[in-house]
Amino acid sequence: MGSLGTGEVILIFVVFLLLFGAKRLPEFARSLGKSLKEFKKATSEITDEIDSTVNSKEIDKETKKTEPKDSEK
């Protein structure tokens, strides 16, 4: 299964136009855009949180390796 071609996109648009009407179609598109924006924002926040946690654990491991042990003091 590949990406959608021009014919499929036009068919989907016509079906949406028939189902929702010309007046509600822009409203539907706006709400879909807002939803996608919120989803991307949430995904980005989760990814940043995971990255910061991994980075802090790596830094902790590096500092433990460089700290002198009690017997070396």
Protein backbone atom coordinates (compact mmCIF):
# COMPACT_ATOMS: atom_id res chain seq x y z
CA MET A 1 0.00 0.00 0.00
CA GLY A 2 1.50 3.25 -1.11
CA SER A 3 0.55 6.85 -0.69
CA LEU A 4 -2.74 8.25 -1.91
CA GLY A 5 -2.92 9.34 -5.52
CA THR A 6 -4.73 12.36 -6.91
CA GLY A 7 -7.83 10.37 -7.77
CA GLU A 8 -8.18 8.98 -4.26
CA VAL A 9 -7.73 12.41 -2.68
CA ILE A 10 -10.41 13.90 -4.93
CA LEU A 11 -12.77 11.00 -4.11
CA ILE A 12 -12.23 11.48 -0.38
CA PHE A 13 -12.85 15.23 -0.73
CA VAL A 14 -16.09 14.62 -2.62
CA VAL A 15 -17.30 12.14 0.01
CA PHE A 16 -16.54 14.65 2.80
CA LEU A 17 -18.31 17.35 0.83
CA LEU A 18 -21.39 15.17 0.43
CA LEU A 19 -21.40 14.06 4.07
CA PHE A 20 -20.73 17.38 5.79
CA GLY A 21 -21.73 20.02 3.23
CA ALA A 22 -19.82 23.03 1.96
CA LYS A 23 -20.51 25.15 5.06
CA ARG A 24 -19.16 22.68 7.60
CA LEU A 25 -16.13 21.53 5.61
CA PRO A 26 -13.89 24.53 6.56
CA GLU A 27 -14.90 24.12 10.20
CA PHE A 28 -14.01 20.43 10.04
CA ALA A 29 -10.64 21.20 8.44
CA ARG A 30 -9.88 23.83 11.10
CA SER A 31 -10.65 21.45 13.95
CA LEU A 32 -8.58 18.72 12.30
CA GLY A 33 -5.65 21.15 12.00
CA LYS A 34 -5.93 22.15 15.66
CA SER A 35 -6.04 18.51 16.69
CA LEU A 36 -2.94 17.69 14.69
CA LYS A 37 -1.14 20.71 16.17
CA GLU A 38 -1.98 19.60 19.72
CA PHE A 39 -0.92 16.03 18.95
CA LYS A 40 2.45 17.19 17.58
CA LYS A 41 2.94 19.45 20.61
CA ALA A 42 2.20 16.61 23.03
CA THR A 43 4.47 14.25 21.12
CA SER A 44 7.26 16.83 21.17
CA GLU A 45 6.87 17.38 24.92
CA ILE A 46 7.00 13.65 25.62
CA THR A 47 10.07 13.24 23.41
CA ASP A 48 11.81 16.15 25.14
CA GLU A 49 10.99 14.67 28.55
CA ILE A 50 12.41 11.29 27.58
CA ASP A 51 15.53 12.88 26.08
CA SER A 52 16.17 14.98 29.19
CA THR A 53 15.73 11.95 31.44
CA VAL A 54 18.13 9.86 29.35
CA ASN A 55 20.66 12.70 29.22
CA SER A 56 20.51 13.26 32.98
CA LYS A 57 21.06 9.54 33.62
CA GLU A 58 24.05 9.55 31.25
CA ILE A 59 25.51 12.55 33.07
CA ASP A 60 24.98 10.80 36.41
CA LYS A 61 26.84 7.74 35.14
CA GLU A 62 29.74 9.87 33.88
CA THR A 63 30.06 11.77 37.16
CA LYS A 64 30.05 8.53 39.14
CA LYS A 65 32.91 7.24 36.97
CA THR A 66 35.02 10.37 37.51
CA GLU A 67 34.38 10.75 41.26
CA PRO A 68 37.11 9.23 43.43
CA LYS A 69 36.13 6.22 45.45
CA ASP A 70 36.24 6.26 49.26
CA SER A 71 39.32 4.06 49.33
CA GLU A 72 41.21 6.46 47.02
CA LYS A 73 40.67 9.51 49.26
